[in-house]
Amino acid sequence: GGTASLADWRGKYVLVNFWATWCAPCRKEM
């Protein structure tokens, strides 16, 4: 419920995955 930004993950490699519940390719790769 809080908020964050990518700066909160500094110090590590991050793979940010943008997806949606209605997205069939998202379901396939998750």
mmCIF file of all heavy atoms, coordinates in Angstrom:
data_MODEL
# 
_entry.id   MODEL 
# 
loop_
_atom_site.group_PDB 
_atom_site.id 
_atom_site.type_symbol 
_atom_site.label_atom_id 
_atom_site.label_alt_id 
_atom_site.label_comp_id 
_atom_site.label_asym_id 
_atom_site.label_entity_id 
_atom_site.label_seq_id 
_atom_site.pdbx_PDB_ins_code 
_atom_site.Cartn_x 
_atom_site.Cartn_y 
_atom_site.Cartn_z 
_atom_site.occupancy 
_atom_site.B_iso_or_equiv 
_atom_site.pdbx_formal_charge 
_atom_site.auth_seq_id 
_atom_site.auth_comp_id 
_atom_site.auth_asym_id 
_atom_site.auth_atom_id 
_atom_site.pdbx_PDB_model_num 
ATOM 1   N N   . GLY A 1 1  ? 0.781  -1.221  0.000   1.00 0.00 ? 1  GLY A N   1 
ATOM 2   C CA  . GLY A 1 1  ? 0.000  0.000   0.000   1.00 0.00 ? 1  GLY A CA  1 
ATOM 3   C C   . GLY A 1 1  ? 0.814  1.273   0.000   1.00 0.00 ? 1  GLY A C   1 
ATOM 4   O O   . GLY A 1 1  ? 0.302  2.325   -0.335  1.00 0.00 ? 1  GLY A O   1 
ATOM 5   N N   . GLY A 1 2  ? 2.077  1.215   0.338   1.00 0.00 ? 2  GLY A N   1 
ATOM 6   C CA  . GLY A 1 2  ? 2.920  2.407   0.308   1.00 0.00 ? 2  GLY A CA  1 
ATOM 7   C C   . GLY A 1 2  ? 3.383  2.697   -1.112  1.00 0.00 ? 2  GLY A C   1 
ATOM 8   O O   . GLY A 1 2  ? 2.912  2.096   -2.076  1.00 0.00 ? 2  GLY A O   1 
ATOM 9   N N   . THR A 1 3  ? 4.294  3.652   -1.226  1.00 0.00 ? 3  THR A N   1 
ATOM 10  C CA  . THR A 1 3  ? 4.855  3.971   -2.536  1.00 0.00 ? 3  THR A CA  1 
ATOM 11  C C   . THR A 1 3  ? 6.367  3.801   -2.508  1.00 0.00 ? 3  THR A C   1 
ATOM 12  O O   . THR A 1 3  ? 6.987  3.828   -1.444  1.00 0.00 ? 3  THR A O   1 
ATOM 13  C CB  . THR A 1 3  ? 4.510  5.406   -2.977  1.00 0.00 ? 3  THR A CB  1 
ATOM 14  O OG1 . THR A 1 3  ? 5.049  6.320   -2.033  1.00 0.00 ? 3  THR A OG1 1 
ATOM 15  C CG2 . THR A 1 3  ? 3.018  5.600   -3.127  1.00 0.00 ? 3  THR A CG2 1 
ATOM 16  N N   . ALA A 1 4  ? 6.938  3.631   -3.698  1.00 0.00 ? 4  ALA A N   1 
ATOM 17  C CA  . ALA A 1 4  ? 8.382  3.482   -3.845  1.00 0.00 ? 4  ALA A CA  1 
ATOM 18  C C   . ALA A 1 4  ? 8.779  3.985   -5.222  1.00 0.00 ? 4  ALA A C   1 
ATOM 19  O O   . ALA A 1 4  ? 7.923  4.266   -6.070  1.00 0.00 ? 4  ALA A O   1 
ATOM 20  C CB  . ALA A 1 4  ? 8.781  2.015   -3.687  1.00 0.00 ? 4  ALA A CB  1 
ATOM 21  N N   . SER A 1 5  ? 10.071 4.100   -5.433  1.00 0.00 ? 5  SER A N   1 
ATOM 22  C CA  . SER A 1 5  ? 10.613 4.409   -6.755  1.00 0.00 ? 5  SER A CA  1 
ATOM 23  C C   . SER A 1 5  ? 11.776 3.454   -6.989  1.00 0.00 ? 5  SER A C   1 
ATOM 24  O O   . SER A 1 5  ? 12.222 2.751   -6.072  1.00 0.00 ? 5  SER A O   1 
ATOM 25  C CB  . SER A 1 5  ? 11.082 5.865   -6.841  1.00 0.00 ? 5  SER A CB  1 
ATOM 26  O OG  . SER A 1 5  ? 12.297 6.044   -6.140  1.00 0.00 ? 5  SER A OG  1 
ATOM 27  N N   . LEU A 1 6  ? 12.278 3.426   -8.206  1.00 0.00 ? 6  LEU A N   1 
ATOM 28  C CA  . LEU A 1 6  ? 13.392 2.523   -8.514  1.00 0.00 ? 6  LEU A CA  1 
ATOM 29  C C   . LEU A 1 6  ? 14.641 2.850   -7.695  1.00 0.00 ? 6  LEU A C   1 
ATOM 30  O O   . LEU A 1 6  ? 15.482 1.985   -7.485  1.00 0.00 ? 6  LEU A O   1 
ATOM 31  C CB  . LEU A 1 6  ? 13.701 2.565   -10.009 1.00 0.00 ? 6  LEU A CB  1 
ATOM 32  C CG  . LEU A 1 6  ? 12.599 1.992   -10.904 1.00 0.00 ? 6  LEU A CG  1 
ATOM 33  C CD1 . LEU A 1 6  ? 12.983 2.134   -12.368 1.00 0.00 ? 6  LEU A CD1 1 
ATOM 34  C CD2 . LEU A 1 6  ? 12.324 0.537   -10.560 1.00 0.00 ? 6  LEU A CD2 1 
ATOM 35  N N   . ALA A 1 7  ? 14.744 4.079   -7.196  1.00 0.00 ? 7  ALA A N   1 
ATOM 36  C CA  . ALA A 1 7  ? 15.883 4.454   -6.351  1.00 0.00 ? 7  ALA A CA  1 
ATOM 37  C C   . ALA A 1 7  ? 15.959 3.587   -5.095  1.00 0.00 ? 7  ALA A C   1 
ATOM 38  O O   . ALA A 1 7  ? 17.041 3.379   -4.544  1.00 0.00 ? 7  ALA A O   1 
ATOM 39  C CB  . ALA A 1 7  ? 15.792 5.930   -5.965  1.00 0.00 ? 7  ALA A CB  1 
ATOM 40  N N   . ASP A 1 8  ? 14.821 3.051   -4.673  1.00 0.00 ? 8  ASP A N   1 
ATOM 41  C CA  . ASP A 1 8  ? 14.800 2.192   -3.481  1.00 0.00 ? 8  ASP A CA  1 
ATOM 42  C C   . ASP A 1 8  ? 15.512 0.866   -3.712  1.00 0.00 ? 8  ASP A C   1 
ATOM 43  O O   . ASP A 1 8  ? 15.757 0.133   -2.757  1.00 0.00 ? 8  ASP A O   1 
ATOM 44  C CB  . ASP A 1 8  ? 13.357 1.949   -3.034  1.00 0.00 ? 8  ASP A CB  1 
ATOM 45  C CG  . ASP A 1 8  ? 12.677 3.230   -2.581  1.00 0.00 ? 8  ASP A CG  1 
ATOM 46  O OD1 . ASP A 1 8  ? 13.300 4.011   -1.840  1.00 0.00 ? 8  ASP A OD1 1 
ATOM 47  O OD2 . ASP A 1 8  ? 11.523 3.462   -2.992  1.00 0.00 ? 8  ASP A OD2 1 
ATOM 48  N N   . TRP A 1 9  ? 15.833 0.541   -4.960  1.00 0.00 ? 9  TRP A N   1 
ATOM 49  C CA  . TRP A 1 9  ? 16.524 -0.709  -5.297  1.00 0.00 ? 9  TRP A CA  1 
ATOM 50  C C   . TRP A 1 9  ? 17.963 -0.468  -5.713  1.00 0.00 ? 9  TRP A C   1 
ATOM 51  O O   . TRP A 1 9  ? 18.625 -1.369  -6.198  1.00 0.00 ? 9  TRP A O   1 
ATOM 52  C CB  . TRP A 1 9  ? 15.761 -1.446  -6.401  1.00 0.00 ? 9  TRP A CB  1 
ATOM 53  C CG  . TRP A 1 9  ? 14.619 -2.231  -5.859  1.00 0.00 ? 9  TRP A CG  1 
ATOM 54  C CD1 . TRP A 1 9  ? 14.627 -3.562  -5.563  1.00 0.00 ? 9  TRP A CD1 1 
ATOM 55  C CD2 . TRP A 1 9  ? 13.317 -1.763  -5.527  1.00 0.00 ? 9  TRP A CD2 1 
ATOM 56  N NE1 . TRP A 1 9  ? 13.403 -3.934  -5.059  1.00 0.00 ? 9  TRP A NE1 1 
ATOM 57  C CE2 . TRP A 1 9  ? 12.575 -2.840  -5.029  1.00 0.00 ? 9  TRP A CE2 1 
ATOM 58  C CE3 . TRP A 1 9  ? 12.694 -0.515  -5.593  1.00 0.00 ? 9  TRP A CE3 1 
ATOM 59  C CZ2 . TRP A 1 9  ? 11.259 -2.735  -4.607  1.00 0.00 ? 9  TRP A CZ2 1 
ATOM 60  C CZ3 . TRP A 1 9  ? 11.386 -0.397  -5.172  1.00 0.00 ? 9  TRP A CZ3 1 
ATOM 61  C CH2 . TRP A 1 9  ? 10.689 -1.501  -4.683  1.00 0.00 ? 9  TRP A CH2 1 
ATOM 62  N N   . ARG A 1 10 ? 18.481 0.743   -5.492  1.00 0.00 ? 10 ARG A N   1 
ATOM 63  C CA  . ARG A 1 10 ? 19.877 1.021   -5.838  1.00 0.00 ? 10 ARG A CA  1 
ATOM 64  C C   . ARG A 1 10 ? 20.787 0.076   -5.077  1.00 0.00 ? 10 ARG A C   1 
ATOM 65  O O   . ARG A 1 10 ? 20.509 -0.330  -3.962  1.00 0.00 ? 10 ARG A O   1 
ATOM 66  C CB  . ARG A 1 10 ? 20.242 2.465   -5.495  1.00 0.00 ? 10 ARG A CB  1 
ATOM 67  C CG  . ARG A 1 10 ? 19.645 3.453   -6.442  1.00 0.00 ? 10 ARG A CG  1 
ATOM 68  C CD  . ARG A 1 10 ? 20.708 4.157   -7.264  1.00 0.00 ? 10 ARG A CD  1 
ATOM 69  N NE  . ARG A 1 10 ? 20.106 4.929   -8.338  1.00 0.00 ? 10 ARG A NE  1 
ATOM 70  C CZ  . ARG A 1 10 ? 19.836 6.213   -8.280  1.00 0.00 ? 10 ARG A CZ  1 
ATOM 71  N NH1 . ARG A 1 10 ? 20.096 6.888   -7.186  1.00 0.00 ? 10 ARG A NH1 1 
ATOM 72  N NH2 . ARG A 1 10 ? 19.302 6.825   -9.311  1.00 0.00 ? 10 ARG A NH2 1 
ATOM 73  N N   . GLY A 1 11 ? 21.882 -0.271  -5.730  1.00 0.00 ? 11 GLY A N   1 
ATOM 74  C CA  . GLY A 1 11 ? 22.841 -1.179  -5.106  1.00 0.00 ? 11 GLY A CA  1 
ATOM 75  C C   . GLY A 1 11 ? 22.715 -2.610  -5.601  1.00 0.00 ? 11 GLY A C   1 
ATOM 76  O O   . GLY A 1 11 ? 23.513 -3.460  -5.236  1.00 0.00 ? 11 GLY A O   1 
ATOM 77  N N   . LYS A 1 12 ? 21.698 -2.877  -6.435  1.00 0.00 ? 12 LYS A N   1 
ATOM 78  C CA  . LYS A 1 12 ? 21.544 -4.213  -6.996  1.00 0.00 ? 12 LYS A CA  1 
ATOM 79  C C   . LYS A 1 12 ? 21.024 -4.109  -8.424  1.00 0.00 ? 12 LYS A C   1 
ATOM 80  O O   . LYS A 1 12 ? 20.477 -3.082  -8.818  1.00 0.00 ? 12 LYS A O   1 
ATOM 81  C CB  . LYS A 1 12 ? 20.622 -5.085  -6.157  1.00 0.00 ? 12 LYS A CB  1 
ATOM 82  C CG  . LYS A 1 12 ? 19.172 -4.636  -6.112  1.00 0.00 ? 12 LYS A CG  1 
ATOM 83  C CD  . LYS A 1 12 ? 18.216 -5.645  -5.493  1.00 0.00 ? 12 LYS A CD  1 
ATOM 84  C CE  . LYS A 1 12 ? 18.461 -5.902  -4.050  1.00 0.00 ? 12 LYS A CE  1 
ATOM 85  N NZ  . LYS A 1 12 ? 17.503 -6.846  -3.451  1.00 0.00 ? 12 LYS A NZ  1 
ATOM 86  N N   . TYR A 1 13 ? 21.237 -5.156  -9.179  1.00 0.00 ? 13 TYR A N   1 
ATOM 87  C CA  . TYR A 1 13 ? 20.634 -5.237  -10.506 1.00 0.00 ? 13 TYR A CA  1 
ATOM 88  C C   . TYR A 1 13 ? 19.157 -5.558  -10.328 1.00 0.00 ? 13 TYR A C   1 
ATOM 89  O O   . TYR A 1 13 ? 18.792 -6.386  -9.487  1.00 0.00 ? 13 TYR A O   1 
ATOM 90  C CB  . TYR A 1 13 ? 21.293 -6.338  -11.348 1.00 0.00 ? 13 TYR A CB  1 
ATOM 91  C CG  . TYR A 1 13 ? 22.665 -5.956  -11.823 1.00 0.00 ? 13 TYR A CG  1 
ATOM 92  C CD1 . TYR A 1 13 ? 23.796 -6.363  -11.119 1.00 0.00 ? 13 TYR A CD1 1 
ATOM 93  C CD2 . TYR A 1 13 ? 22.835 -5.183  -12.967 1.00 0.00 ? 13 TYR A CD2 1 
ATOM 94  C CE1 . TYR A 1 13 ? 25.059 -6.010  -11.546 1.00 0.00 ? 13 TYR A CE1 1 
ATOM 95  C CE2 . TYR A 1 13 ? 24.101 -4.832  -13.402 1.00 0.00 ? 13 TYR A CE2 1 
ATOM 96  C CZ  . TYR A 1 13 ? 25.207 -5.241  -12.685 1.00 0.00 ? 13 TYR A CZ  1 
ATOM 97  O OH  . TYR A 1 13 ? 26.457 -4.886  -13.113 1.00 0.00 ? 13 TYR A OH  1 
ATOM 98  N N   . VAL A 1 14 ? 18.308 -4.885  -11.104 1.00 0.00 ? 14 VAL A N   1 
ATOM 99  C CA  . VAL A 1 14 ? 16.872 -5.090  -11.013 1.00 0.00 ? 14 VAL A CA  1 
ATOM 100 C C   . VAL A 1 14 ? 16.321 -5.318  -12.420 1.00 0.00 ? 14 VAL A C   1 
ATOM 101 O O   . VAL A 1 14 ? 16.632 -4.560  -13.341 1.00 0.00 ? 14 VAL A O   1 
ATOM 102 C CB  . VAL A 1 14 ? 16.167 -3.868  -10.371 1.00 0.00 ? 14 VAL A CB  1 
ATOM 103 C CG1 . VAL A 1 14 ? 14.671 -4.094  -10.265 1.00 0.00 ? 14 VAL A CG1 1 
ATOM 104 C CG2 . VAL A 1 14 ? 16.760 -3.554  -9.012  1.00 0.00 ? 14 VAL A CG2 1 
ATOM 105 N N   . LEU A 1 15 ? 15.557 -6.367  -12.558 1.00 0.00 ? 15 LEU A N   1 
ATOM 106 C CA  . LEU A 1 15 ? 14.829 -6.611  -13.800 1.00 0.00 ? 15 LEU A CA  1 
ATOM 107 C C   . LEU A 1 15 ? 13.394 -6.174  -13.547 1.00 0.00 ? 15 LEU A C   1 
ATOM 108 O O   . LEU A 1 15 ? 12.643 -6.841  -12.826 1.00 0.00 ? 15 LEU A O   1 
ATOM 109 C CB  . LEU A 1 15 ? 14.889 -8.083  -14.203 1.00 0.00 ? 15 LEU A CB  1 
ATOM 110 C CG  . LEU A 1 15 ? 14.198 -8.428  -15.518 1.00 0.00 ? 15 LEU A CG  1 
ATOM 111 C CD1 . LEU A 1 15 ? 14.867 -7.704  -16.695 1.00 0.00 ? 15 LEU A CD1 1 
ATOM 112 C CD2 . LEU A 1 15 ? 14.199 -9.925  -15.742 1.00 0.00 ? 15 LEU A CD2 1 
ATOM 113 N N   . VAL A 1 16 ? 13.021 -5.008  -14.064 1.00 0.00 ? 16 VAL A N   1 
ATOM 114 C CA  . VAL A 1 16 ? 11.682 -4.459  -13.874 1.00 0.00 ? 16 VAL A CA  1 
ATOM 115 C C   . VAL A 1 16 ? 10.804 -4.993  -14.998 1.00 0.00 ? 16 VAL A C   1 
ATOM 116 O O   . VAL A 1 16 ? 11.100 -4.778  -16.169 1.00 0.00 ? 16 VAL A O   1 
ATOM 117 C CB  . VAL A 1 16 ? 11.694 -2.912  -13.912 1.00 0.00 ? 16 VAL A CB  1 
ATOM 118 C CG1 . VAL A 1 16 ? 10.294 -2.362  -13.653 1.00 0.00 ? 16 VAL A CG1 1 
ATOM 119 C CG2 . VAL A 1 16 ? 12.694 -2.352  -12.916 1.00 0.00 ? 16 VAL A CG2 1 
ATOM 120 N N   . ASN A 1 17 ? 9.742  -5.688  -14.620 1.00 0.00 ? 17 ASN A N   1 
ATOM 121 C CA  . ASN A 1 17 ? 8.841  -6.274  -15.600 1.00 0.00 ? 17 ASN A CA  1 
ATOM 122 C C   . ASN A 1 17 ? 7.493  -5.564  -15.518 1.00 0.00 ? 17 ASN A C   1 
ATOM 123 O O   . ASN A 1 17 ? 6.819  -5.607  -14.494 1.00 0.00 ? 17 ASN A O   1 
ATOM 124 C CB  . ASN A 1 17 ? 8.681  -7.775  -15.339 1.00 0.00 ? 17 ASN A CB  1 
ATOM 125 C CG  . ASN A 1 17 ? 7.723  -8.414  -16.312 1.00 0.00 ? 17 ASN A CG  1 
ATOM 126 O OD1 . ASN A 1 17 ? 6.568  -8.659  -15.987 1.00 0.00 ? 17 ASN A OD1 1 
ATOM 127 N ND2 . ASN A 1 17 ? 8.210  -8.689  -17.512 1.00 0.00 ? 17 ASN A ND2 1 
ATOM 128 N N   . PHE A 1 18 ? 7.131  -4.879  -16.616 1.00 0.00 ? 18 PHE A N   1 
ATOM 129 C CA  . PHE A 1 18 ? 5.830  -4.233  -16.726 1.00 0.00 ? 18 PHE A CA  1 
ATOM 130 C C   . PHE A 1 18 ? 4.871  -5.241  -17.344 1.00 0.00 ? 18 PHE A C   1 
ATOM 131 O O   . PHE A 1 18 ? 5.149  -5.804  -18.408 1.00 0.00 ? 18 PHE A O   1 
ATOM 132 C CB  . PHE A 1 18 ? 5.925  -2.990  -17.618 1.00 0.00 ? 18 PHE A CB  1 
ATOM 133 C CG  . PHE A 1 18 ? 6.736  -1.877  -17.017 1.00 0.00 ? 18 PHE A CG  1 
ATOM 134 C CD1 . PHE A 1 18 ? 8.095  -1.773  -17.271 1.00 0.00 ? 18 PHE A CD1 1 
ATOM 135 C CD2 . PHE A 1 18 ? 6.141  -0.936  -16.187 1.00 0.00 ? 18 PHE A CD2 1 
ATOM 136 C CE1 . PHE A 1 18 ? 8.846  -0.751  -16.724 1.00 0.00 ? 18 PHE A CE1 1 
ATOM 137 C CE2 . PHE A 1 18 ? 6.889  0.088   -15.627 1.00 0.00 ? 18 PHE A CE2 1 
ATOM 138 C CZ  . PHE A 1 18 ? 8.257  0.187   -15.897 1.00 0.00 ? 18 PHE A CZ  1 
ATOM 139 N N   . TRP A 1 19 ? 3.732  -5.490  -16.689 1.00 0.00 ? 19 TRP A N   1 
ATOM 140 C CA  . TRP A 1 19 ? 2.799  -6.524  -17.125 1.00 0.00 ? 19 TRP A CA  1 
ATOM 141 C C   . TRP A 1 19 ? 1.376  -6.116  -16.760 1.00 0.00 ? 19 TRP A C   1 
ATOM 142 O O   . TRP A 1 19 ? 1.161  -5.095  -16.109 1.00 0.00 ? 19 TRP A O   1 
ATOM 143 C CB  . TRP A 1 19 ? 3.162  -7.866  -16.481 1.00 0.00 ? 19 TRP A CB  1 
ATOM 144 C CG  . TRP A 1 19 ? 2.929  -7.883  -14.986 1.00 0.00 ? 19 TRP A CG  1 
ATOM 145 C CD1 . TRP A 1 19 ? 3.735  -7.358  -14.020 1.00 0.00 ? 19 TRP A CD1 1 
ATOM 146 C CD2 . TRP A 1 19 ? 1.800  -8.415  -14.317 1.00 0.00 ? 19 TRP A CD2 1 
ATOM 147 N NE1 . TRP A 1 19 ? 3.168  -7.536  -12.785 1.00 0.00 ? 19 TRP A NE1 1 
ATOM 148 C CE2 . TRP A 1 19 ? 1.985  -8.195  -12.940 1.00 0.00 ? 19 TRP A CE2 1 
ATOM 149 C CE3 . TRP A 1 19 ? 0.648  -9.070  -14.747 1.00 0.00 ? 19 TRP A CE3 1 
ATOM 150 C CZ2 . TRP A 1 19 ? 1.055  -8.600  -11.988 1.00 0.00 ? 19 TRP A CZ2 1 
ATOM 151 C CZ3 . TRP A 1 19 ? -0.277 -9.474  -13.793 1.00 0.00 ? 19 TRP A CZ3 1 
ATOM 152 C CH2 . TRP A 1 19 ? -0.060 -9.238  -12.433 1.00 0.00 ? 19 TRP A CH2 1 
ATOM 153 N N   . ALA A 1 20 ? 0.412  -6.910  -17.177 1.00 0.00 ? 20 ALA A N   1 
ATOM 154 C CA  . ALA A 1 20 ? -0.993 -6.679  -16.820 1.00 0.00 ? 20 ALA A CA  1 
ATOM 155 C C   . ALA A 1 20 ? -1.705 -8.019  -16.705 1.00 0.00 ? 20 ALA A C   1 
ATOM 156 O O   . ALA A 1 20 ? -1.317 -9.004  -17.341 1.00 0.00 ? 20 ALA A O   1 
ATOM 157 C CB  . ALA A 1 20 ? -1.679 -5.809  -17.867 1.00 0.00 ? 20 ALA A CB  1 
ATOM 158 N N   . THR A 1 21 ? -2.746 -8.036  -15.914 1.00 0.00 ? 21 THR A N   1 
ATOM 159 C CA  . THR A 1 21 ? -3.500 -9.273  -15.679 1.00 0.00 ? 21 THR A CA  1 
ATOM 160 C C   . THR A 1 21 ? -4.168 -9.794  -16.942 1.00 0.00 ? 21 THR A C   1 
ATOM 161 O O   . THR A 1 21 ? -4.379 -10.991 -17.080 1.00 0.00 ? 21 THR A O   1 
ATOM 162 C CB  . THR A 1 21 ? -4.581 -9.055  -14.597 1.00 0.00 ? 21 THR A CB  1 
ATOM 163 O OG1 . THR A 1 21 ? -5.427 -7.971  -15.004 1.00 0.00 ? 21 THR A OG1 1 
ATOM 164 C CG2 . THR A 1 21 ? -3.949 -8.734  -13.249 1.00 0.00 ? 21 THR A CG2 1 
ATOM 165 N N   . TRP A 1 22 ? -4.509 -8.923  -17.877 1.00 0.00 ? 22 TRP A N   1 
ATOM 166 C CA  . TRP A 1 22 ? -5.207 -9.304  -19.103 1.00 0.00 ? 22 TRP A CA  1 
ATOM 167 C C   . TRP A 1 22 ? -4.256 -9.698  -20.230 1.00 0.00 ? 22 TRP A C   1 
ATOM 168 O O   . TRP A 1 22 ? -4.686 -10.080 -21.316 1.00 0.00 ? 22 TRP A O   1 
ATOM 169 C CB  . TRP A 1 22 ? -6.097 -8.154  -19.577 1.00 0.00 ? 22 TRP A CB  1 
ATOM 170 C CG  . TRP A 1 22 ? -5.379 -6.829  -19.598 1.00 0.00 ? 22 TRP A CG  1 
ATOM 171 C CD1 . TRP A 1 22 ? -5.421 -5.867  -18.637 1.00 0.00 ? 22 TRP A CD1 1 
ATOM 172 C CD2 . TRP A 1 22 ? -4.492 -6.349  -20.607 1.00 0.00 ? 22 TRP A CD2 1 
ATOM 173 N NE1 . TRP A 1 22 ? -4.617 -4.802  -18.975 1.00 0.00 ? 22 TRP A NE1 1 
ATOM 174 C CE2 . TRP A 1 22 ? -4.030 -5.084  -20.193 1.00 0.00 ? 22 TRP A CE2 1 
ATOM 175 C CE3 . TRP A 1 22 ? -4.028 -6.855  -21.819 1.00 0.00 ? 22 TRP A CE3 1 
ATOM 176 C CZ2 . TRP A 1 22 ? -3.140 -4.321  -20.942 1.00 0.00 ? 22 TRP A CZ2 1 
ATOM 177 C CZ3 . TRP A 1 22 ? -3.134 -6.093  -22.563 1.00 0.00 ? 22 TRP A CZ3 1 
ATOM 178 C CH2 . TRP A 1 22 ? -2.703 -4.843  -22.127 1.00 0.00 ? 22 TRP A CH2 1 
ATOM 179 N N   . CYS A 1 23 ? -2.958 -9.636  -19.985 1.00 0.00 ? 23 CYS A N   1 
ATOM 180 C CA  . CYS A 1 23 ? -1.933 -9.815  -21.019 1.00 0.00 ? 23 CYS A CA  1 
ATOM 181 C C   . CYS A 1 23 ? -1.504 -11.289 -21.128 1.00 0.00 ? 23 CYS A C   1 
ATOM 182 O O   . CYS A 1 23 ? -0.850 -11.811 -20.225 1.00 0.00 ? 23 CYS A O   1 
ATOM 183 C CB  . CYS A 1 23 ? -0.745 -8.924  -20.667 1.00 0.00 ? 23 CYS A CB  1 
ATOM 184 S SG  . CYS A 1 23 ? 0.754  -9.206  -21.593 1.00 0.00 ? 23 CYS A SG  1 
ATOM 185 N N   . ALA A 1 24 ? -1.875 -11.939 -22.229 1.00 0.00 ? 24 ALA A N   1 
ATOM 186 C CA  . ALA A 1 24 ? -1.525 -13.358 -22.425 1.00 0.00 ? 24 ALA A CA  1 
ATOM 187 C C   . ALA A 1 24 ? -0.012 -13.592 -22.466 1.00 0.00 ? 24 ALA A C   1 
ATOM 188 O O   . ALA A 1 24 ? 0.483  -14.527 -21.830 1.00 0.00 ? 24 ALA A O   1 
ATOM 189 C CB  . ALA A 1 24 ? -2.191 -13.894 -23.683 1.00 0.00 ? 24 ALA A CB  1 
ATOM 190 N N   . PRO A 1 25 ? 0.795  -12.774 -23.163 1.00 0.00 ? 25 PRO A N   1 
ATOM 191 C CA  . PRO A 1 25 ? 2.245  -12.990 -23.133 1.00 0.00 ? 25 PRO A CA  1 
ATOM 192 C C   . PRO A 1 25 ? 2.840  -12.811 -21.725 1.00 0.00 ? 25 PRO A C   1 
ATOM 193 O O   . PRO A 1 25 ? 3.816  -13.468 -21.375 1.00 0.00 ? 25 PRO A O   1 
ATOM 194 C CB  . PRO A 1 25 ? 2.801  -11.948 -24.105 1.00 0.00 ? 25 PRO A CB  1 
ATOM 195 C CG  . PRO A 1 25 ? 1.664  -11.611 -25.007 1.00 0.00 ? 25 PRO A CG  1 
ATOM 196 C CD  . PRO A 1 25 ? 0.432  -11.754 -24.154 1.00 0.00 ? 25 PRO A CD  1 
ATOM 197 N N   . CYS A 1 26 ? 2.216  -11.944 -20.925 1.00 0.00 ? 26 CYS A N   1 
ATOM 198 C CA  . CYS A 1 26 ? 2.670  -11.754 -19.542 1.00 0.00 ? 26 CYS A CA  1 
ATOM 199 C C   . CYS A 1 26 ? 2.464  -13.044 -18.754 1.00 0.00 ? 26 CYS A C   1 
ATOM 200 O O   . CYS A 1 26 ? 3.333  -13.470 -17.989 1.00 0.00 ? 26 CYS A O   1 
ATOM 201 C CB  . CYS A 1 26 ? 1.909  -10.615 -18.871 1.00 0.00 ? 26 CYS A CB  1 
ATOM 202 S SG  . CYS A 1 26 ? 2.088  -9.011  -19.691 1.00 0.00 ? 26 CYS A SG  1 
ATOM 203 N N   . ARG A 1 27 ? 1.307  -13.646 -18.939 1.00 0.00 ? 27 ARG A N   1 
ATOM 204 C CA  . ARG A 1 27 ? 0.991  -14.918 -18.269 1.00 0.00 ? 27 ARG A CA  1 
ATOM 205 C C   . ARG A 1 27 ? 2.005  -15.991 -18.678 1.00 0.00 ? 27 ARG A C   1 
ATOM 206 O O   . ARG A 1 27 ? 2.455  -16.775 -17.861 1.00 0.00 ? 27 ARG A O   1 
ATOM 207 C CB  . ARG A 1 27 ? -0.428 -15.348 -18.625 1.00 0.00 ? 27 ARG A CB  1 
ATOM 208 C CG  . ARG A 1 27 ? -0.866 -16.658 -17.981 1.00 0.00 ? 27 ARG A CG  1 
ATOM 209 C CD  . ARG A 1 27 ? -2.318 -16.955 -18.275 1.00 0.00 ? 27 ARG A CD  1 
ATOM 210 N NE  . ARG A 1 27 ? -3.206 -15.936 -17.749 1.00 0.00 ? 27 ARG A NE  1 
ATOM 211 C CZ  . ARG A 1 27 ? -3.669 -15.901 -16.506 1.00 0.00 ? 27 ARG A CZ  1 
ATOM 212 N NH1 . ARG A 1 27 ? -3.335 -16.859 -15.665 1.00 0.00 ? 27 ARG A NH1 1 
ATOM 213 N NH2 . ARG A 1 27 ? -4.465 -14.946 -16.104 1.00 0.00 ? 27 ARG A NH2 1 
ATOM 214 N N   . LYS A 1 28 ? 2.372  -16.000 -19.959 1.00 0.00 ? 28 LYS A N   1 
ATOM 215 C CA  . LYS A 1 28 ? 3.306  -16.990 -20.478 1.00 0.00 ? 28 LYS A CA  1 
ATOM 216 C C   . LYS A 1 28 ? 4.698  -16.844 -19.850 1.00 0.00 ? 28 LYS A C   1 
ATOM 217 O O   . LYS A 1 28 ? 5.332  -17.837 -19.506 1.00 0.00 ? 28 LYS A O   1 
ATOM 218 C CB  . LYS A 1 28 ? 3.404  -16.849 -22.005 1.00 0.00 ? 28 LYS A CB  1 
ATOM 219 C CG  . LYS A 1 28 ? 4.384  -17.774 -22.654 1.00 0.00 ? 28 LYS A CG  1 
ATOM 220 C CD  . LYS A 1 28 ? 4.442  -17.528 -24.158 1.00 0.00 ? 28 LYS A CD  1 
ATOM 221 C CE  . LYS A 1 28 ? 5.587  -18.282 -24.785 1.00 0.00 ? 28 LYS A CE  1 
ATOM 222 N NZ  . LYS A 1 28 ? 5.831  -17.870 -26.170 1.00 0.00 ? 28 LYS A NZ  1 
ATOM 223 N N   . GLU A 1 29 ? 5.189  -15.602 -19.686 1.00 0.00 ? 29 GLU A N   1 
ATOM 224 C CA  . GLU A 1 29 ? 6.564  -15.408 -19.215 1.00 0.00 ? 29 GLU A CA  1 
ATOM 225 C C   . GLU A 1 29 ? 6.714  -15.359 -17.691 1.00 0.00 ? 29 GLU A C   1 
ATOM 226 O O   . GLU A 1 29 ? 7.805  -15.539 -17.178 1.00 0.00 ? 29 GLU A O   1 
ATOM 227 C CB  . GLU A 1 29 ? 7.192  -14.173 -19.847 1.00 0.00 ? 29 GLU A CB  1 
ATOM 228 C CG  . GLU A 1 29 ? 6.890  -12.873 -19.178 1.00 0.00 ? 29 GLU A CG  1 
ATOM 229 C CD  . GLU A 1 29 ? 7.699  -11.707 -19.722 1.00 0.00 ? 29 GLU A CD  1 
ATOM 230 O OE1 . GLU A 1 29 ? 8.731  -11.903 -20.381 1.00 0.00 ? 29 GLU A OE1 1 
ATOM 231 O OE2 . GLU A 1 29 ? 7.269  -10.573 -19.481 1.00 0.00 ? 29 GLU A OE2 1 
ATOM 232 N N   . MET A 1 30 ? 5.635  -15.117 -16.966 1.00 0.00 ? 30 MET A N   1 
ATOM 233 C CA  . MET A 1 30 ? 5.733  -14.921 -15.512 1.00 0.00 ? 30 MET A CA  1 
ATOM 234 C C   . MET A 1 30 ? 6.401  -16.096 -14.781 1.00 0.00 ? 30 MET A C   1 
ATOM 235 O O   . MET A 1 30 ? 7.231  -15.867 -13.897 1.00 0.00 ? 30 MET A O   1 
ATOM 236 C CB  . MET A 1 30 ? 4.366  -14.610 -14.921 1.00 0.00 ? 30 MET A CB  1 
ATOM 237 C CG  . MET A 1 30 ? 4.410  -14.010 -13.536 1.00 0.00 ? 30 MET A CG  1 
ATOM 238 S SD  . MET A 1 30 ? 5.223  -12.390 -13.405 1.00 0.00 ? 30 MET A SD  1 
ATOM 239 C CE  . MET A 1 30 ? 4.032  -11.308 -14.165 1.00 0.00 ? 30 MET A CE  1 
# 
